[in-house]
Amino acid sequence: MPRATPSGPEAPEATVGTDAAFAPTVPAETALHTVRNISEVRHFFRTNDVPVFFIGATPFNLLGLDRWVRNFTYISYYDAWDGAHARVFTPVNKPYKEFGSGEEINNWLLLNPEVRSRMTKDLRPGVRPKVAMVFFDAETEHICEELGYDLILPPAELRSRLDSKIVTTQLGNEAGVPSVPNVLTTGTDWTTLRKVADESGLGKELVVQTPYGDSGKTTFFIANEADWDKYSSEIIGEQIKVMRRINNLPVAVEAVLTRSGTLVGPFLTELAGHSDLTPYQGGWCGNEMHPDVLTATQRTRATDLVQRMGDRLSKEGYRGFFEVDVLVDTDTDEVYLGELNPRISGASAITNVTAGAYADVPLFLFHLLEYMDVEFDLDIDEINARWEALSGADVWSQMIIKETSETVELLTATPATGQYQLDSNGALVFSRPAMDWHMLQNESEAFFLRIYGPGDYRWKGADLGILVTKGRLQVERNGSTQLSIRAKHFIDSVRAGFTGLPLSATEPVEATAGIGVKTQW
């Protein structure tokens, strides 16, 4: 997979409603006073004159939103296009620094002088830039307040509380949203765990979760004392949710809580724990969207579940984007609340290329609308009904490709960001530079977003890049979900494009563990 030579921004491609960056400005004082329908939503964002920034290690989550929103820019730590994407800004001066979280990355970017200069360039008097991101904290809020930016997200304190799996379960109970049969308790010892599980009728095989954690890293499957001994150090002293272990289909759905109601996006299945993609057992590594994710009955139940959660979140003062993990019991057909992610999520990338998005606008634009200086009164029920009717029109998949080996290497060559296709010999070859995946047409094409480039390090668990394609990447075989032959071919082809120099065997791995940024979704 040869790396493309940067040659400047790709010429804009004309698609329905996706040329907002080239639309004329309508000053705020002459904009619509109250937005009442999708046509006016499109017009508002197509002529937007307020700068909106998405900040993060990569622009992956909201890549392509600049097609709909004028003055939308990505501030990114990694530049996957080497300067060729006109709407991606990456500071040139990036001295070595170890980051421990996504919040640290975003705060560093906000404080960077090059970024601050870019965000205030040509800013009209009285206008405050709007800032969105996946990860933020109280420090982020203080920085934005001092610099005069509007952080268009719910308060960090509220988001942190809602992020707890324990709080999610409690709020779901209050909203009449069922979880998998469970009991909430404190981790102490094996005997006590077994006792509370038996009293609640949870069975012999248990699933134990601690309040916080991502990608399955704080979910433990415990069937006997040996399992308890293996995980007890991470459970003892923690509040825990103890669940009956069920045969389940995990489904992700994003939604937006607005003043007009809760808008529910498409339902996606998850790629999780595939050893070709991630070294973490049960770890999230992608999504699929297809017509058969849920039956009509399951979809109705799941939509009601999400809307009930939205109603309950509104009582907490929450506004905007959130993601819900839904669990379908494949033995009983029951639909349960899994987890709540009060933020933009990894599923956002596919959510924004649905038929509903192209017929109307991407889901995230309703989040922006909630935080922009505009009044609106929309018929959310009508939009939800129309999007549900279009739910069978899309088949998309994405894979997060992590380093799965024990290697620690300095990368010397990496695949280029852009569009790829399977040639006549079945090889995956670079087709052309591309800004995002919105122009993919069929299953023989894929878009690869590089994260780490030459000069960066890779190690076990590091995110190498994201591949997006039309069509499914999983198959059902022998009662389990496995990666398809096509998916494994894509993965092998991408990995073949990464080459590097191993670190000296005498150099401690600990000294390199923080080099680069561990991207979080």
Protein backbone atom coordinates (compact mmCIF):
# COMPACT_ATOMS: atom_id res chain seq x y z
CA MET A 1 0.00 0.00 0.00
CA PRO A 2 2.03 2.99 -1.19
CA ARG A 3 1.77 6.24 0.64
CA ALA A 4 0.32 9.04 -1.44
CA THR A 5 2.37 12.15 -1.98
CA PRO A 6 0.52 15.19 -0.58
CA SER A 7 -0.61 17.35 -3.46
CA GLY A 8 -3.04 19.82 -1.92
CA PRO A 9 -6.72 19.60 -1.09
CA GLU A 10 -8.93 17.39 -3.21
CA ALA A 11 -11.41 19.21 -5.44
CA PRO A 12 -14.82 19.44 -3.76
CA GLU A 13 -17.29 16.77 -4.81
CA ALA A 14 -20.88 17.85 -5.41
CA THR A 15 -23.36 15.77 -3.43
CA VAL A 16 -26.79 16.57 -2.08
CA GLY A 17 -26.47 19.28 0.54
CA THR A 18 -22.77 18.69 1.10
CA ASP A 19 -21.16 21.81 -0.32
CA ALA A 20 -21.74 24.07 2.70
CA ALA A 21 -18.11 25.16 2.81
CA PHE A 22 -18.60 26.99 -0.49
CA ALA A 23 -21.97 28.58 0.30
CA PRO A 24 -22.36 32.32 0.87
CA THR A 25 -22.56 33.71 4.38
CA VAL A 26 -25.83 34.96 5.81
CA PRO A 27 -25.02 37.24 8.77
CA ALA A 28 -26.57 36.14 12.04
CA GLU A 29 -28.78 39.23 12.26
CA THR A 30 -30.58 38.29 9.02
CA ALA A 31 -30.80 34.56 9.74
CA LEU A 32 -34.09 32.77 10.33
CA HIS A 33 -35.66 33.71 13.67
CA THR A 34 -37.26 30.32 14.33
CA VAL A 35 -36.25 27.15 12.48
CA ARG A 36 -39.33 24.99 11.92
CA ASN A 37 -38.43 22.30 9.39
CA ILE A 38 -35.54 20.38 7.83
CA SER A 39 -35.25 22.75 4.89
CA GLU A 40 -34.66 25.64 7.27
CA VAL A 41 -32.17 23.56 9.29
CA ARG A 42 -30.19 22.93 6.10
CA HIS A 43 -30.31 26.59 5.15
CA PHE A 44 -29.21 27.69 8.62
CA PHE A 45 -26.08 25.54 8.60
CA ARG A 46 -25.29 26.05 4.93
CA THR A 47 -25.05 29.80 5.56
CA ASN A 48 -23.63 29.63 9.10
CA ASP A 49 -21.20 32.46 9.92
CA VAL A 50 -20.19 31.30 13.44
CA PRO A 51 -16.97 29.23 13.54
CA VAL A 52 -17.50 25.71 14.89
CA PHE A 53 -14.51 23.55 15.88
CA PHE A 54 -14.28 19.84 16.61
CA ILE A 55 -11.15 19.17 18.66
CA GLY A 56 -9.45 15.82 19.23
CA ALA A 57 -6.56 13.50 18.54
CA THR A 58 -8.16 12.82 15.15
CA PRO A 59 -11.25 14.21 13.36
CA PHE A 60 -12.67 10.69 12.92
CA ASN A 61 -15.89 10.98 14.94
CA LEU A 62 -17.35 13.88 12.97
CA LEU A 63 -15.39 13.64 9.75
CA GLY A 64 -17.51 14.88 6.84
CA LEU A 65 -19.67 17.29 8.86
CA ASP A 66 -17.97 20.17 7.05
CA ARG A 67 -19.96 19.09 3.97
CA TRP A 68 -23.13 20.30 5.71
CA VAL A 69 -21.91 23.04 8.05
CA ARG A 70 -20.25 26.17 6.78
CA ASN A 71 -17.33 27.37 8.97
CA PHE A 72 -16.80 23.89 10.48
CA THR A 73 -13.13 23.07 11.20
CA TYR A 74 -11.28 20.13 12.77
CA ILE A 75 -8.43 20.84 15.19
CA SER A 76 -6.48 17.59 15.28
CA TYR A 77 -3.31 16.40 17.01
CA TYR A 78 -2.60 14.01 14.13
CA ASP A 79 -2.88 15.18 10.54
CA ALA A 80 -3.76 12.11 8.50
CA TRP A 81 -3.69 14.12 5.25
CA ASP A 82 -0.31 15.80 5.74
CA GLY A 83 -1.80 19.25 5.18
CA ALA A 84 -4.01 18.34 2.21
CA HIS A 85 -7.39 18.59 4.00
CA ALA A 86 -8.52 22.21 3.88
CA ARG A 87 -10.71 21.90 6.99
CA VAL A 88 -8.19 20.09 9.23
CA PHE A 89 -5.72 22.18 11.25
CA THR A 90 -2.80 20.61 13.12
CA PRO A 91 -0.18 22.69 14.98
CA VAL A 92 3.30 22.44 13.50
CA ASN A 93 5.12 22.72 16.82
CA LYS A 94 4.38 19.54 18.80
CA PRO A 95 7.21 18.93 21.28
CA TYR A 96 7.40 15.49 22.86
CA LYS A 97 4.75 15.03 25.54
CA GLU A 98 3.17 12.03 27.20
CA PHE A 99 -0.62 12.15 27.35
CA GLY A 100 -2.58 10.05 29.79
CA SER A 101 -6.07 10.71 28.45
CA GLY A 102 -8.16 12.20 25.68
CA GLU A 103 -8.91 15.14 27.96
CA GLU A 104 -5.20 15.96 28.23
CA ILE A 105 -4.84 15.94 24.45
CA ASN A 106 -7.76 18.31 23.97
CA ASN A 107 -6.62 20.70 26.70
CA TRP A 108 -3.13 20.79 25.20
CA LEU A 109 -4.60 21.64 21.81
CA LEU A 110 -6.78 24.41 23.25
CA LEU A 111 -3.76 26.00 24.92
CA ASN A 112 -1.48 25.70 21.91
CA PRO A 113 -0.67 29.20 20.55
CA GLU A 114 -1.02 28.09 16.90
CA VAL A 115 -4.47 26.65 17.63
CA ARG A 116 -5.56 29.77 19.52
CA SER A 117 -4.45 31.93 16.62
CA ARG A 118 -6.34 29.76 14.13
CA MET A 119 -9.53 29.76 16.20
CA THR A 120 -9.67 33.56 16.39
CA LYS A 121 -8.60 34.24 12.82
CA ASP A 122 -11.01 36.67 11.08
CA LEU A 123 -13.35 36.44 14.08
CA ARG A 124 -16.04 39.12 13.99
CA PRO A 125 -16.42 41.26 17.14
CA GLY A 126 -18.87 39.75 19.60
CA VAL A 127 -18.79 36.27 18.04
CA ARG A 128 -17.65 33.37 20.25
CA PRO A 129 -16.29 30.24 18.55
CA LYS A 130 -18.26 27.06 19.28
CA VAL A 131 -16.19 24.08 20.48
CA ALA A 132 -17.16 20.37 20.50
CA MET A 133 -15.08 17.34 21.45
CA VAL A 134 -15.45 13.77 22.68
CA PHE A 135 -13.46 14.05 25.92
CA PHE A 136 -13.38 17.08 28.22
CA ASP A 137 -13.20 17.91 31.91
CA ALA A 138 -13.47 20.83 34.31
CA GLU A 139 -10.09 22.14 33.13
CA THR A 140 -11.43 22.21 29.57
CA GLU A 141 -14.34 24.31 30.76
CA HIS A 142 -12.02 26.77 32.53
CA ILE A 143 -9.81 27.11 29.44
CA CYS A 144 -12.76 27.77 27.14
CA GLU A 145 -14.24 30.30 29.56
CA GLU A 146 -10.97 32.23 29.80
CA LEU A 147 -10.37 32.20 26.04
CA GLY A 148 -13.92 33.23 25.16
CA TYR A 149 -15.05 29.97 23.53
CA ASP A 150 -18.47 28.35 23.92
CA LEU A 151 -18.02 24.68 24.87
CA ILE A 152 -21.19 23.27 23.32
CA LEU A 153 -21.45 20.22 25.55
CA PRO A 154 -23.23 19.35 28.82
CA PRO A 155 -21.31 20.26 32.01
CA ALA A 156 -18.34 18.00 32.72
CA GLU A 157 -19.55 17.28 36.26
CA LEU A 158 -22.92 16.06 34.97
CA ARG A 159 -21.35 14.04 32.18
CA SER A 160 -18.98 12.36 34.64
CA ARG A 161 -21.83 11.35 36.94
CA LEU A 162 -23.95 10.00 34.08
CA ASP A 163 -20.96 8.05 32.76
CA SER A 164 -21.24 5.64 35.70
CA LYS A 165 -22.81 2.29 34.82
CA ILE A 166 -24.35 2.29 38.30
CA VAL A 167 -26.02 5.69 37.77
CA THR A 168 -27.19 4.64 34.30
CA THR A 169 -28.91 1.59 35.76
CA GLN A 170 -30.56 3.65 38.50
CA LEU A 171 -31.83 6.27 36.03
CA GLY A 172 -33.11 3.52 33.75
CA ASN A 173 -35.02 1.97 36.64
CA GLU A 174 -36.60 5.35 37.41
CA ALA A 175 -37.55 5.81 33.74
CA GLY A 176 -39.11 2.36 33.43
CA VAL A 177 -36.25 1.18 31.21
CA PRO A 178 -35.28 -2.42 32.10
CA SER A 179 -31.69 -3.63 32.45
CA VAL A 180 -30.55 -7.23 32.32
CA PRO A 181 -31.59 -8.77 35.69
CA ASN A 182 -29.05 -7.42 38.16
CA VAL A 183 -28.23 -6.32 41.66
CA LEU A 184 -26.16 -3.27 42.67
CA THR A 185 -23.73 -3.88 45.51
CA THR A 186 -20.11 -3.41 46.61
CA GLY A 187 -17.29 -5.76 45.69
CA THR A 188 -16.02 -7.61 48.79
CA ASP A 189 -15.34 -11.35 48.41
CA TRP A 190 -16.41 -14.41 46.48
CA THR A 191 -18.79 -15.70 49.16
CA THR A 192 -20.66 -12.41 49.36
CA LEU A 193 -20.87 -12.09 45.59
CA ARG A 194 -22.33 -15.55 45.32
CA LYS A 195 -24.81 -14.83 48.12
CA VAL A 196 -26.23 -11.62 46.60
CA ALA A 197 -26.41 -13.25 43.16
CA ASP A 198 -28.34 -16.23 44.53
CA GLU A 199 -30.73 -14.00 46.47
CA SER A 200 -31.49 -12.12 43.22
CA GLY A 201 -31.82 -15.27 41.13
CA LEU A 202 -29.04 -14.33 38.73
CA GLY A 203 -27.81 -17.86 38.05
CA LYS A 204 -24.35 -19.38 38.15
CA GLU A 205 -22.71 -17.40 35.34
CA LEU A 206 -22.36 -13.72 36.22
CA VAL A 207 -21.27 -10.51 34.52
CA VAL A 208 -19.74 -7.95 36.89
CA GLN A 209 -19.15 -4.33 35.95
CA THR A 210 -17.42 -1.52 37.82
CA PRO A 211 -18.78 2.03 37.35
CA TYR A 212 -16.28 3.44 34.86
CA GLY A 213 -14.28 2.06 31.94
CA ASP A 214 -14.37 1.69 28.16
CA SER A 215 -14.12 -1.00 25.51
CA GLY A 216 -15.01 -3.85 27.81
CA LYS A 217 -11.97 -3.34 30.04
CA THR A 218 -14.07 -3.14 33.23
CA THR A 219 -16.56 -5.90 32.44
CA PHE A 220 -15.74 -9.27 34.02
CA PHE A 221 -17.26 -12.68 33.33
CA ILE A 222 -17.31 -14.73 36.51
CA ALA A 223 -18.60 -18.29 36.77
CA ASN A 224 -16.48 -19.69 39.62
CA GLU A 225 -14.07 -18.76 42.37
CA ALA A 226 -11.09 -19.04 40.02
CA ASP A 227 -12.63 -16.31 37.83
CA TRP A 228 -13.18 -14.19 40.94
CA ASP A 229 -9.57 -14.60 42.02
CA LYS A 230 -8.45 -13.51 38.55
CA TYR A 231 -10.35 -10.20 38.63
CA SER A 232 -10.91 -9.53 42.34
CA SER A 233 -8.19 -6.88 42.63
CA GLU A 234 -10.14 -4.71 40.16
CA ILE A 235 -13.50 -5.31 41.86
CA ILE A 236 -12.93 -5.22 45.64
CA GLY A 237 -14.00 -1.91 47.16
CA GLU A 238 -15.82 -0.78 44.01
CA GLN A 239 -19.52 -0.25 43.53
CA ILE A 240 -20.50 -3.03 41.16
CA LYS A 241 -23.36 -4.12 38.96
CA VAL A 242 -23.82 -7.91 39.08
CA MET A 243 -25.85 -9.25 36.15
CA ARG A 244 -27.19 -12.53 34.93
CA ARG A 245 -25.14 -13.64 31.93
CA ILE A 246 -27.37 -13.85 28.87
CA ASN A 247 -26.88 -14.67 25.21
CA ASN A 248 -27.15 -11.19 23.79
CA LEU A 249 -26.87 -9.12 20.67
CA PRO A 250 -25.17 -5.80 21.55
CA VAL A 251 -26.56 -2.87 19.59
CA ALA A 252 -25.45 0.77 19.64
CA VAL A 253 -27.68 3.74 18.92
CA GLU A 254 -27.01 7.46 19.11
CA ALA A 255 -29.58 10.10 19.94
CA VAL A 256 -29.89 13.84 20.51
CA LEU A 257 -31.89 15.35 23.33
CA THR A 258 -33.29 18.68 22.15
CA ARG A 259 -35.86 21.12 23.46
CA SER A 260 -38.26 19.62 20.90
CA GLY A 261 -37.71 16.02 22.06
CA THR A 262 -35.29 13.12 21.58
CA LEU A 263 -34.24 12.28 18.05
CA VAL A 264 -33.11 8.64 17.67
CA GLY A 265 -30.46 7.64 15.14
CA PRO A 266 -29.92 4.30 13.38
CA PHE A 267 -29.17 1.05 15.24
CA LEU A 268 -25.75 -0.51 14.73
CA THR A 269 -24.28 -3.84 15.74
CA GLU A 270 -20.81 -3.87 17.27
CA LEU A 271 -17.52 -5.47 16.36
CA ALA A 272 -16.07 -6.54 19.68
CA GLY A 273 -13.14 -8.62 20.83
CA HIS A 274 -11.95 -9.77 17.39
CA SER A 275 -8.31 -10.77 17.89
CA ASP A 276 -7.43 -9.55 14.37
CA LEU A 277 -8.38 -6.02 15.44
CA THR A 278 -7.81 -5.65 19.18
CA PRO A 279 -5.74 -7.27 21.94
CA TYR A 280 -8.52 -6.59 24.45
CA GLN A 281 -11.00 -9.38 25.15
CA GLY A 282 -14.47 -7.99 24.56
CA GLY A 283 -13.01 -4.65 23.46
CA TRP A 284 -15.04 -2.54 21.03
CA CYS A 285 -13.42 -2.38 17.59
CA GLY A 286 -16.07 -1.16 15.16
CA ASN A 287 -19.69 -1.13 14.05
CA GLU A 288 -21.99 -2.37 11.31
CA MET A 289 -25.20 -0.81 10.05
CA HIS A 290 -27.56 -3.00 8.03
CA PRO A 291 -31.31 -3.64 7.65
CA ASP A 292 -31.37 -6.72 9.87
CA VAL A 293 -29.79 -5.24 13.01
CA LEU A 294 -33.19 -5.44 14.73
CA THR A 295 -36.61 -6.78 13.85
CA ALA A 296 -39.42 -4.25 13.54
CA THR A 297 -40.70 -5.19 17.01
CA GLN A 298 -37.25 -4.96 18.58
CA ARG A 299 -36.62 -1.61 16.91
CA THR A 300 -39.87 -0.20 18.30
CA ARG A 301 -38.97 -1.37 21.82
CA ALA A 302 -35.42 -0.07 21.54
CA THR A 303 -36.58 3.33 20.22
CA ASP A 304 -39.00 3.67 23.13
CA LEU A 305 -36.16 2.72 25.52
CA VAL A 306 -33.90 5.45 24.13
CA GLN A 307 -36.64 8.08 24.21
CA ARG A 308 -37.48 7.21 27.82
CA MET A 309 -33.79 7.62 28.71
CA GLY A 310 -33.78 10.95 26.90
CA ASP A 311 -36.78 12.11 28.94
CA ARG A 312 -35.04 11.06 32.15
CA LEU A 313 -31.76 12.73 31.15
CA SER A 314 -33.60 16.00 30.51
CA LYS A 315 -34.59 16.05 34.19
CA GLU A 316 -30.88 15.94 35.02
CA GLY A 317 -30.28 19.04 32.90
CA TYR A 318 -28.64 17.11 30.05
CA ARG A 319 -28.77 18.47 26.49
CA GLY A 320 -27.45 17.17 23.19
CA PHE A 321 -25.77 14.05 21.89
CA PHE A 322 -25.63 10.72 23.72
CA GLU A 323 -25.17 7.03 22.87
CA VAL A 324 -26.97 4.02 24.33
CA ASP A 325 -25.86 0.40 24.22
CA VAL A 326 -28.90 -1.85 23.91
CA LEU A 327 -28.78 -5.57 24.67
CA VAL A 328 -31.19 -7.97 22.96
CA ASP A 329 -31.60 -11.34 24.71
CA THR A 330 -31.43 -13.74 21.77
CA ASP A 331 -33.17 -16.48 23.80
CA THR A 332 -36.16 -14.45 25.04
CA ASP A 333 -36.25 -11.50 22.59
CA GLU A 334 -36.24 -9.05 25.53
CA VAL A 335 -34.65 -5.65 24.90
CA TYR A 336 -32.53 -4.24 27.73
CA LEU A 337 -30.60 -1.08 28.55
CA GLY A 338 -26.86 -1.77 28.47
CA GLU A 339 -24.73 1.34 28.97
CA LEU A 340 -25.04 5.08 28.47
CA ASN A 341 -22.27 7.15 26.90
CA PRO A 342 -23.07 10.84 27.47
CA ARG A 343 -20.94 12.08 24.60
CA ILE A 344 -20.17 11.85 20.91
CA SER A 345 -19.17 8.23 20.31
CA GLY A 346 -17.26 6.01 17.92
CA ALA A 347 -20.53 5.14 16.18
CA SER A 348 -21.00 8.77 15.09
CA ALA A 349 -18.93 8.30 11.94
CA ILE A 350 -21.43 5.85 10.42
CA THR A 351 -24.48 7.56 11.89
CA ASN A 352 -23.66 10.60 9.77
CA VAL A 353 -23.76 8.76 6.42
CA THR A 354 -27.21 7.20 6.70
CA ALA A 355 -29.97 7.59 4.16
CA GLY A 356 -31.72 9.74 6.76
CA ALA A 357 -28.69 12.02 6.93
CA TYR A 358 -28.66 12.52 3.17
CA ALA A 359 -32.44 12.92 2.96
CA ASP A 360 -32.39 15.42 5.83
CA VAL A 361 -29.22 16.28 7.78
CA PRO A 362 -26.76 14.28 9.90
CA LEU A 363 -27.87 13.54 13.45
CA PHE A 364 -25.14 15.70 14.98
CA LEU A 365 -26.56 18.83 13.39
CA PHE A 366 -29.44 18.64 15.86
CA HIS A 367 -26.87 18.78 18.67
CA LEU A 368 -25.34 21.87 17.07
CA LEU A 369 -28.78 23.41 16.67
CA GLU A 370 -29.44 22.94 20.40
CA TYR A 371 -26.30 24.95 21.23
CA MET A 372 -26.38 27.57 18.47
CA ASP A 373 -27.95 31.00 18.94
CA VAL A 374 -31.16 30.18 17.10
CA GLU A 375 -34.70 29.34 18.08
CA PHE A 376 -36.24 26.18 16.66
CA ASP A 377 -39.46 24.22 16.93
CA LEU A 378 -39.25 20.89 15.12
CA ASP A 379 -41.62 17.95 14.80
CA ILE A 380 -39.25 15.33 16.25
CA ASP A 381 -41.85 12.55 16.08
CA GLU A 382 -42.25 13.10 12.33
CA ILE A 383 -38.47 13.04 11.79
CA ASN A 384 -38.10 9.86 13.86
CA ALA A 385 -40.86 8.16 11.89
CA ARG A 386 -39.30 9.11 8.55
CA TRP A 387 -35.84 7.97 9.62
CA GLU A 388 -37.23 4.64 10.82
CA ALA A 389 -38.76 4.12 7.37
CA LEU A 390 -35.33 4.71 5.83
CA SER A 391 -33.51 2.45 8.29
CA GLY A 392 -33.25 -0.46 5.86
CA ALA A 393 -31.56 1.53 3.12
CA ASP A 394 -27.99 1.54 4.41
CA VAL A 395 -25.21 -1.01 4.80
CA TRP A 396 -22.00 0.44 6.27
CA SER A 397 -19.18 -0.92 8.43
CA GLN A 398 -16.14 0.46 10.22
CA MET A 399 -13.15 -1.22 11.88
CA ILE A 400 -10.77 0.29 14.42
CA ILE A 401 -7.44 -1.42 13.69
CA LYS A 402 -5.18 -1.66 16.74
CA GLU A 403 -1.68 -3.06 17.09
CA THR A 404 -2.18 -6.58 18.44
CA SER A 405 1.43 -7.79 18.75
CA GLU A 406 3.91 -7.18 21.57
CA THR A 407 6.11 -5.09 19.27
CA VAL A 408 7.28 -1.57 20.07
CA GLU A 409 8.51 0.08 16.87
CA LEU A 410 9.39 3.43 15.39
CA LEU A 411 7.26 3.61 12.23
CA THR A 412 9.13 4.29 9.02
CA ALA A 413 6.28 3.84 6.49
CA THR A 414 2.50 3.79 6.81
CA PRO A 415 -0.50 3.54 4.47
CA ALA A 416 -1.86 6.80 3.10
CA THR A 417 -5.19 8.22 4.13
CA GLY A 418 -7.64 7.98 1.26
CA GLN A 419 -9.81 5.73 -0.85
CA TYR A 420 -8.76 2.16 -1.69
CA GLN A 421 -10.23 -0.47 -3.97
CA LEU A 422 -9.85 -4.14 -4.76
CA ASP A 423 -8.16 -4.47 -8.15
CA SER A 424 -8.68 -7.21 -10.75
CA ASN A 425 -6.26 -9.46 -8.86
CA GLY A 426 -8.10 -8.97 -5.56
CA ALA A 427 -5.37 -6.78 -4.04
CA LEU A 428 -6.35 -3.74 -1.99
CA VAL A 429 -4.65 -0.77 -3.68
CA PHE A 430 -4.64 2.98 -3.12
CA SER A 431 -7.16 4.57 -5.47
CA ARG A 432 -7.05 8.29 -4.76
CA PRO A 433 -6.79 10.90 -1.99
CA ALA A 434 -10.10 11.53 -0.26
CA MET A 435 -11.30 13.80 2.53
CA ASP A 436 -13.74 11.25 4.03
CA TRP A 437 -15.72 8.09 3.21
CA HIS A 438 -18.92 9.74 1.96
CA MET A 439 -18.20 8.93 -1.70
CA LEU A 440 -17.77 5.15 -1.33
CA GLN A 441 -20.07 3.32 -3.72
CA ASN A 442 -19.74 -0.44 -3.20
CA GLU A 443 -18.07 -3.24 -1.22
CA SER A 444 -14.95 -3.27 -3.38
CA GLU A 445 -14.02 0.19 -2.03
CA ALA A 446 -12.83 1.32 1.38
CA PHE A 447 -11.63 4.49 3.06
CA PHE A 448 -8.65 4.28 5.40
CA LEU A 449 -7.93 7.01 7.95
CA ARG A 450 -4.35 6.77 9.15
CA ILE A 451 -3.68 7.73 12.76
CA TYR A 452 0.02 7.09 13.29
CA GLY A 453 2.47 8.16 10.59
CA PRO A 454 6.22 7.84 10.00
CA GLY A 455 8.12 9.03 13.05
CA ASP A 456 5.43 7.86 15.49
CA TYR A 457 5.65 4.74 17.62
CA ARG A 458 3.35 1.75 17.70
CA TRP A 459 2.86 -0.66 20.59
CA LYS A 460 0.35 -3.26 21.71
CA GLY A 461 -3.07 -1.63 21.88
CA ALA A 462 -2.15 1.45 19.84
CA ASP A 463 -4.74 2.60 17.28
CA LEU A 464 -3.20 2.37 13.81
CA GLY A 465 -6.18 3.60 11.84
CA ILE A 466 -9.84 3.24 10.91
CA LEU A 467 -11.24 1.51 7.83
CA VAL A 468 -14.75 2.35 6.60
CA THR A 469 -16.52 0.47 3.83
CA LYS A 470 -19.93 -0.35 2.38
CA GLY A 471 -21.28 -3.80 3.18
CA ARG A 472 -20.95 -6.02 6.23
CA LEU A 473 -17.71 -7.28 7.76
CA GLN A 474 -19.07 -9.98 10.08
CA VAL A 475 -20.68 -13.36 9.39
CA GLU A 476 -22.54 -15.82 11.59
CA ARG A 477 -20.72 -19.13 11.72
CA ASN A 478 -21.16 -22.07 14.09
CA GLY A 479 -23.33 -20.04 16.42
CA SER A 480 -20.88 -17.16 16.78
CA THR A 481 -20.11 -13.88 15.04
CA GLN A 482 -16.82 -13.86 13.16
CA LEU A 483 -15.00 -11.52 10.81
CA SER A 484 -15.66 -12.22 7.16
CA ILE A 485 -12.98 -13.23 4.69
CA ARG A 486 -13.26 -9.76 3.11
CA ALA A 487 -12.77 -8.09 6.49
CA LYS A 488 -9.62 -10.11 7.23
CA HIS A 489 -8.27 -9.32 3.77
CA PHE A 490 -8.76 -5.60 4.42
CA ILE A 491 -7.03 -5.90 7.82
CA ASP A 492 -4.06 -7.86 6.46
CA SER A 493 -3.67 -5.42 3.57
CA VAL A 494 -3.65 -2.39 5.86
CA ARG A 495 -1.22 -3.96 8.32
CA ALA A 496 1.16 -4.80 5.47
CA GLY A 497 1.52 -1.06 4.84
CA PHE A 498 3.02 -0.42 8.29
CA THR A 499 6.74 -0.98 8.66
CA GLY A 500 9.04 0.10 11.45
CA LEU A 501 12.28 -0.29 13.34
CA PRO A 502 12.07 -2.30 16.58
CA LEU A 503 13.41 -0.55 19.64
CA SER A 504 16.62 -1.85 21.11
CA ALA A 505 16.07 -4.88 23.30
CA THR A 506 18.06 -3.08 25.98
CA GLU A 507 15.73 -0.08 26.01
CA PRO A 508 13.00 -0.38 28.65
CA VAL A 509 9.50 -0.63 27.19
CA GLU A 510 8.24 1.59 30.03
CA ALA A 511 10.24 4.45 28.59
CA THR A 512 8.25 4.31 25.37
CA ALA A 513 4.80 3.38 26.61
CA GLY A 514 3.60 6.98 26.59
CA ILE A 515 5.10 8.02 23.28
CA GLY A 516 2.38 9.24 20.96
CA VAL A 517 -1.29 9.41 21.87
CA LYS A 518 -3.53 6.50 22.72
CA THR A 519 -6.60 7.60 20.83
CA GLN A 520 -9.90 7.03 22.65
CA TRP A 521 -13.35 6.88 21.11
